[in-house]
Amino acid sequence: PCVRIAVMDKLVIRGGKPLKGEVHIS
């Protein structure tokens, strides 16, 4: 029988820039 294989979503991070800003940590 045909089996569907779920494709996982992925995070693509393109760096090369300094990070800045604020994040509230719960």
PDB file of all heavy atoms in Angstrom:
ATOM      1  N   PRO A   1       0.834  -1.203   0.000  1.00  0.00           N
ATOM      2  CA  PRO A   1       0.000   0.000   0.000  1.00  0.00           C
ATOM      3  C   PRO A   1       0.866   1.249   0.000  1.00  0.00           C
ATOM      4  O   PRO A   1       1.984   1.257   0.508  1.00  0.00           O
ATOM      5  CB  PRO A   1      -0.801  -0.126   1.301  1.00  0.00           C
ATOM      6  CG  PRO A   1       0.012  -1.022   2.163  1.00  0.00           C
ATOM      7  CD  PRO A   1       0.690  -1.994   1.230  1.00  0.00           C
ATOM      8  N   CYS A   2       0.336   2.295  -0.568  1.00  0.00           N
ATOM      9  CA  CYS A   2       1.059   3.562  -0.625  1.00  0.00           C
ATOM     10  C   CYS A   2       1.195   4.139   0.779  1.00  0.00           C
ATOM     11  O   CYS A   2       0.241   4.193   1.536  1.00  0.00           O
ATOM     12  CB  CYS A   2       0.304   4.533  -1.534  1.00  0.00           C
ATOM     13  SG  CYS A   2       1.072   6.169  -1.611  1.00  0.00           S
ATOM     14  N   VAL A   3       2.400   4.503   1.147  1.00  0.00           N
ATOM     15  CA  VAL A   3       2.667   5.068   2.464  1.00  0.00           C
ATOM     16  C   VAL A   3       3.103   6.516   2.293  1.00  0.00           C
ATOM     17  O   VAL A   3       4.057   6.810   1.568  1.00  0.00           O
ATOM     18  CB  VAL A   3       3.757   4.268   3.204  1.00  0.00           C
ATOM     19  CG1 VAL A   3       4.059   4.914   4.545  1.00  0.00           C
ATOM     20  CG2 VAL A   3       3.333   2.820   3.371  1.00  0.00           C
ATOM     21  N   ARG A   4       2.384   7.406   2.945  1.00  0.00           N
ATOM     22  CA  ARG A   4       2.747   8.812   2.883  1.00  0.00           C
ATOM     23  C   ARG A   4       3.821   9.111   3.939  1.00  0.00           C
ATOM     24  O   ARG A   4       3.682   8.722   5.087  1.00  0.00           O
ATOM     25  CB  ARG A   4       1.525   9.699   3.142  1.00  0.00           C
ATOM     26  CG  ARG A   4       0.487   9.644   2.024  1.00  0.00           C
ATOM     27  CD  ARG A   4      -0.661  10.594   2.338  1.00  0.00           C
ATOM     28  NE  ARG A   4      -1.641  10.587   1.284  1.00  0.00           N
ATOM     29  CZ  ARG A   4      -1.595  11.388   0.225  1.00  0.00           C
ATOM     30  NH1 ARG A   4      -0.591  12.242   0.099  1.00  0.00           N
ATOM     31  NH2 ARG A   4      -2.535  11.341  -0.703  1.00  0.00           N
ATOM     32  N   ILE A   5       4.856   9.740   3.542  1.00  0.00           N
ATOM     33  CA  ILE A   5       5.927  10.105   4.464  1.00  0.00           C
ATOM     34  C   ILE A   5       5.841  11.606   4.701  1.00  0.00           C
ATOM     35  O   ILE A   5       5.950  12.408   3.773  1.00  0.00           O
ATOM     36  CB  ILE A   5       7.308   9.723   3.892  1.00  0.00           C
ATOM     37  CG1 ILE A   5       7.379   8.201   3.658  1.00  0.00           C
ATOM     38  CG2 ILE A   5       8.420  10.172   4.844  1.00  0.00           C
ATOM     39  CD1 ILE A   5       8.667   7.765   3.025  1.00  0.00           C
ATOM     40  N   ALA A   6       5.613  11.956   5.944  1.00  0.00           N
ATOM     41  CA  ALA A   6       5.489  13.372   6.287  1.00  0.00           C
ATOM     42  C   ALA A   6       6.850  14.043   6.194  1.00  0.00           C
ATOM     43  O   ALA A   6       7.851  13.529   6.685  1.00  0.00           O
ATOM     44  CB  ALA A   6       4.918  13.534   7.692  1.00  0.00           C
ATOM     45  N   VAL A   7       6.894  15.161   5.519  1.00  0.00           N
ATOM     46  CA  VAL A   7       8.126  15.923   5.398  1.00  0.00           C
ATOM     47  C   VAL A   7       8.180  16.944   6.525  1.00  0.00           C
ATOM     48  O   VAL A   7       7.273  17.760   6.681  1.00  0.00           O
ATOM     49  CB  VAL A   7       8.204  16.626   4.025  1.00  0.00           C
ATOM     50  CG1 VAL A   7       9.496  17.437   3.932  1.00  0.00           C
ATOM     51  CG2 VAL A   7       8.121  15.603   2.904  1.00  0.00           C
ATOM     52  N   MET A   8       9.221  16.849   7.331  1.00  0.00           N
ATOM     53  CA  MET A   8       9.340  17.752   8.472  1.00  0.00           C
ATOM     54  C   MET A   8       9.631  19.161   7.994  1.00  0.00           C
ATOM     55  O   MET A   8      10.390  19.371   7.041  1.00  0.00           O
ATOM     56  CB  MET A   8      10.467  17.282   9.392  1.00  0.00           C
ATOM     57  CG  MET A   8      10.231  15.910  10.003  1.00  0.00           C
ATOM     58  SD  MET A   8       8.901  15.929  11.207  1.00  0.00           S
ATOM     59  CE  MET A   8       9.644  16.878  12.502  1.00  0.00           C
ATOM     60  N   ASP A   9       9.011  20.155   8.644  1.00  0.00           N
ATOM     61  CA  ASP A   9       9.375  21.533   8.380  1.00  0.00           C
ATOM     62  C   ASP A   9      10.792  21.781   8.892  1.00  0.00           C
ATOM     63  O   ASP A   9      11.284  21.061   9.760  1.00  0.00           O
ATOM     64  CB  ASP A   9       8.411  22.487   9.094  1.00  0.00           C
ATOM     65  CG  ASP A   9       7.029  22.469   8.468  1.00  0.00           C
ATOM     66  OD1 ASP A   9       6.929  22.128   7.287  1.00  0.00           O
ATOM     67  OD2 ASP A   9       6.053  22.779   9.184  1.00  0.00           O
ATOM     68  N   LYS A  10      11.450  22.758   8.375  1.00  0.00           N
ATOM     69  CA  LYS A  10      12.809  23.037   8.803  1.00  0.00           C
ATOM     70  C   LYS A  10      13.012  24.537   8.976  1.00  0.00           C
ATOM     71  O   LYS A  10      12.293  25.361   8.399  1.00  0.00           O
ATOM     72  CB  LYS A  10      13.824  22.492   7.800  1.00  0.00           C
ATOM     73  CG  LYS A  10      13.697  23.070   6.400  1.00  0.00           C
ATOM     74  CD  LYS A  10      14.696  22.428   5.453  1.00  0.00           C
ATOM     75  CE  LYS A  10      14.540  22.972   4.023  1.00  0.00           C
ATOM     76  NZ  LYS A  10      15.485  22.318   3.096  1.00  0.00           N
ATOM     77  N   LEU A  11      13.965  24.856   9.795  1.00  0.00           N
ATOM     78  CA  LEU A  11      14.343  26.240  10.008  1.00  0.00           C
ATOM     79  C   LEU A  11      15.605  26.522   9.200  1.00  0.00           C
ATOM     80  O   LEU A  11      16.598  25.806   9.323  1.00  0.00           O
ATOM     81  CB  LEU A  11      14.611  26.515  11.490  1.00  0.00           C
ATOM     82  CG  LEU A  11      13.414  26.385  12.441  1.00  0.00           C
ATOM     83  CD1 LEU A  11      13.882  26.561  13.880  1.00  0.00           C
ATOM     84  CD2 LEU A  11      12.352  27.415  12.112  1.00  0.00           C
ATOM     85  N   VAL A  12      15.564  27.531   8.379  1.00  0.00           N
ATOM     86  CA  VAL A  12      16.732  27.944   7.603  1.00  0.00           C
ATOM     87  C   VAL A  12      17.203  29.283   8.156  1.00  0.00           C
ATOM     88  O   VAL A  12      16.472  30.271   8.126  1.00  0.00           O
ATOM     89  CB  VAL A  12      16.401  28.065   6.101  1.00  0.00           C
ATOM     90  CG1 VAL A  12      17.638  28.519   5.326  1.00  0.00           C
ATOM     91  CG2 VAL A  12      15.889  26.728   5.562  1.00  0.00           C
ATOM     92  N   ILE A  13      18.404  29.303   8.683  1.00  0.00           N
ATOM     93  CA  ILE A  13      18.948  30.516   9.294  1.00  0.00           C
ATOM     94  C   ILE A  13      20.108  31.011   8.446  1.00  0.00           C
ATOM     95  O   ILE A  13      21.084  30.291   8.239  1.00  0.00           O
ATOM     96  CB  ILE A  13      19.414  30.244  10.737  1.00  0.00           C
ATOM     97  CG1 ILE A  13      18.240  29.725  11.581  1.00  0.00           C
ATOM     98  CG2 ILE A  13      20.020  31.498  11.359  1.00  0.00           C
ATOM     99  CD1 ILE A  13      18.618  29.293  12.964  1.00  0.00           C
ATOM    100  N   ARG A  14      19.983  32.198   7.955  1.00  0.00           N
ATOM    101  CA  ARG A  14      21.047  32.826   7.175  1.00  0.00           C
ATOM    102  C   ARG A  14      21.717  33.881   8.057  1.00  0.00           C
ATOM    103  O   ARG A  14      21.133  34.892   8.379  1.00  0.00           O
ATOM    104  CB  ARG A  14      20.487  33.450   5.899  1.00  0.00           C
ATOM    105  CG  ARG A  14      19.904  32.418   4.934  1.00  0.00           C
ATOM    106  CD  ARG A  14      19.413  33.060   3.644  1.00  0.00           C
ATOM    107  NE  ARG A  14      18.942  32.057   2.694  1.00  0.00           N
ATOM    108  CZ  ARG A  14      17.709  31.567   2.660  1.00  0.00           C
ATOM    109  NH1 ARG A  14      16.815  31.994   3.536  1.00  0.00           N
ATOM    110  NH2 ARG A  14      17.372  30.662   1.767  1.00  0.00           N
ATOM    111  N   GLY A  15      22.938  33.589   8.445  1.00  0.00           N
ATOM    112  CA  GLY A  15      23.661  34.461   9.354  1.00  0.00           C
ATOM    113  C   GLY A  15      24.408  35.557   8.637  1.00  0.00           C
ATOM    114  O   GLY A  15      24.039  35.993   7.554  1.00  0.00           O
ATOM    115  N   GLY A  16      25.502  35.970   9.259  1.00  0.00           N
ATOM    116  CA  GLY A  16      26.328  37.006   8.658  1.00  0.00           C
ATOM    117  C   GLY A  16      26.000  38.401   9.124  1.00  0.00           C
ATOM    118  O   GLY A  16      26.629  39.371   8.685  1.00  0.00           O
ATOM    119  N   LYS A  17      25.015  38.539  10.016  1.00  0.00           N
ATOM    120  CA  LYS A  17      24.646  39.861  10.516  1.00  0.00           C
ATOM    121  C   LYS A  17      24.641  39.832  12.045  1.00  0.00           C
ATOM    122  O   LYS A  17      24.231  38.841  12.646  1.00  0.00           O
ATOM    123  CB  LYS A  17      23.265  40.277  10.007  1.00  0.00           C
ATOM    124  CG  LYS A  17      23.169  40.437   8.491  1.00  0.00           C
ATOM    125  CD  LYS A  17      21.776  40.889   8.083  1.00  0.00           C
ATOM    126  CE  LYS A  17      21.698  41.068   6.571  1.00  0.00           C
ATOM    127  NZ  LYS A  17      20.333  41.511   6.135  1.00  0.00           N
ATOM    128  N   PRO A  18      25.084  40.884  12.687  1.00  0.00           N
ATOM    129  CA  PRO A  18      25.051  40.917  14.158  1.00  0.00           C
ATOM    130  C   PRO A  18      23.620  40.941  14.662  1.00  0.00           C
ATOM    131  O   PRO A  18      22.752  41.584  14.072  1.00  0.00           O
ATOM    132  CB  PRO A  18      25.790  42.216  14.502  1.00  0.00           C
ATOM    133  CG  PRO A  18      25.655  43.069  13.280  1.00  0.00           C
ATOM    134  CD  PRO A  18      25.649  42.124  12.114  1.00  0.00           C
ATOM    135  N   LEU A  19      23.375  40.226  15.766  1.00  0.00           N
ATOM    136  CA  LEU A  19      22.046  40.179  16.359  1.00  0.00           C
ATOM    137  C   LEU A  19      21.845  41.360  17.298  1.00  0.00           C
ATOM    138  O   LEU A  19      22.768  41.777  18.001  1.00  0.00           O
ATOM    139  CB  LEU A  19      21.851  38.869  17.122  1.00  0.00           C
ATOM    140  CG  LEU A  19      21.994  37.579  16.308  1.00  0.00           C
ATOM    141  CD1 LEU A  19      21.820  36.368  17.210  1.00  0.00           C
ATOM    142  CD2 LEU A  19      20.999  37.544  15.168  1.00  0.00           C
ATOM    143  N   LYS A  20      20.647  41.883  17.333  1.00  0.00           N
ATOM    144  CA  LYS A  20      20.324  42.955  18.257  1.00  0.00           C
ATOM    145  C   LYS A  20      18.834  42.922  18.550  1.00  0.00           C
ATOM    146  O   LYS A  20      18.049  42.330  17.817  1.00  0.00           O
ATOM    147  CB  LYS A  20      20.725  44.308  17.678  1.00  0.00           C
ATOM    148  CG  LYS A  20      20.019  44.688  16.386  1.00  0.00           C
ATOM    149  CD  LYS A  20      20.501  46.034  15.883  1.00  0.00           C
ATOM    150  CE  LYS A  20      19.783  46.419  14.584  1.00  0.00           C
ATOM    151  NZ  LYS A  20      20.215  47.754  14.108  1.00  0.00           N
ATOM    152  N   GLY A  21      18.435  43.535  19.645  1.00  0.00           N
ATOM    153  CA  GLY A  21      17.031  43.558  20.036  1.00  0.00           C
ATOM    154  C   GLY A  21      16.829  42.971  21.411  1.00  0.00           C
ATOM    155  O   GLY A  21      17.780  42.628  22.115  1.00  0.00           O
ATOM    156  N   GLU A  22      15.587  42.833  21.788  1.00  0.00           N
ATOM    157  CA  GLU A  22      15.235  42.313  23.112  1.00  0.00           C
ATOM    158  C   GLU A  22      14.229  41.178  22.987  1.00  0.00           C
ATOM    159  O   GLU A  22      13.331  41.223  22.140  1.00  0.00           O
ATOM    160  CB  GLU A  22      14.632  43.421  23.986  1.00  0.00           C
ATOM    161  CG  GLU A  22      15.591  44.563  24.283  1.00  0.00           C
ATOM    162  CD  GLU A  22      14.966  45.619  25.175  1.00  0.00           C
ATOM    163  OE1 GLU A  22      13.766  45.466  25.509  1.00  0.00           O
ATOM    164  OE2 GLU A  22      15.663  46.576  25.529  1.00  0.00           O
ATOM    165  N   VAL A  23      14.395  40.182  23.820  1.00  0.00           N
ATOM    166  CA  VAL A  23      13.489  39.037  23.858  1.00  0.00           C
ATOM    167  C   VAL A  23      13.082  38.799  25.302  1.00  0.00           C
ATOM    168  O   VAL A  23      13.947  38.742  26.187  1.00  0.00           O
ATOM    169  CB  VAL A  23      14.153  37.756  23.289  1.00  0.00           C
ATOM    170  CG1 VAL A  23      13.203  36.570  23.404  1.00  0.00           C
ATOM    171  CG2 VAL A  23      14.565  37.958  21.837  1.00  0.00           C
ATOM    172  N   HIS A  24      11.798  38.691  25.541  1.00  0.00           N
ATOM    173  CA  HIS A  24      11.314  38.388  26.899  1.00  0.00           C
ATOM    174  C   HIS A  24      11.352  36.878  27.109  1.00  0.00           C
ATOM    175  O   HIS A  24      10.767  36.122  26.337  1.00  0.00           O
ATOM    176  CB  HIS A  24       9.883  38.891  27.107  1.00  0.00           C
ATOM    177  CG  HIS A  24       9.308  38.493  28.424  1.00  0.00           C
ATOM    178  ND1 HIS A  24       9.708  39.056  29.620  1.00  0.00           N
ATOM    179  CD2 HIS A  24       8.372  37.555  28.741  1.00  0.00           C
ATOM    180  CE1 HIS A  24       9.046  38.486  30.616  1.00  0.00           C
ATOM    181  NE2 HIS A  24       8.229  37.581  30.107  1.00  0.00           N
ATOM    182  N   ILE A  25      12.072  36.447  28.119  1.00  0.00           N
ATOM    183  CA  ILE A  25      12.182  35.018  28.430  1.00  0.00           C
ATOM    184  C   ILE A  25      11.169  34.676  29.510  1.00  0.00           C
ATOM    185  O   ILE A  25      11.216  35.204  30.620  1.00  0.00           O
ATOM    186  CB  ILE A  25      13.605  34.665  28.911  1.00  0.00           C
ATOM    187  CG1 ILE A  25      14.647  35.108  27.888  1.00  0.00           C
ATOM    188  CG2 ILE A  25      13.701  33.170  29.171  1.00  0.00           C
ATOM    189  CD1 ILE A  25      14.494  34.480  26.527  1.00  0.00           C
ATOM    190  N   SER A  26      10.240  33.804  29.178  1.00  0.00           N
ATOM    191  CA  SER A  26       9.215  33.434  30.151  1.00  0.00           C
ATOM    192  C   SER A  26       9.780  32.437  31.158  1.00  0.00           C
ATOM    193  O   SER A  26      10.775  31.776  30.899  1.00  0.00           O
ATOM    194  CB  SER A  26       8.000  32.845  29.435  1.00  0.00           C
ATOM    195  OG  SER A  26       7.918  31.477  29.573  1.00  0.00           O
TER     196      SER A  26
END
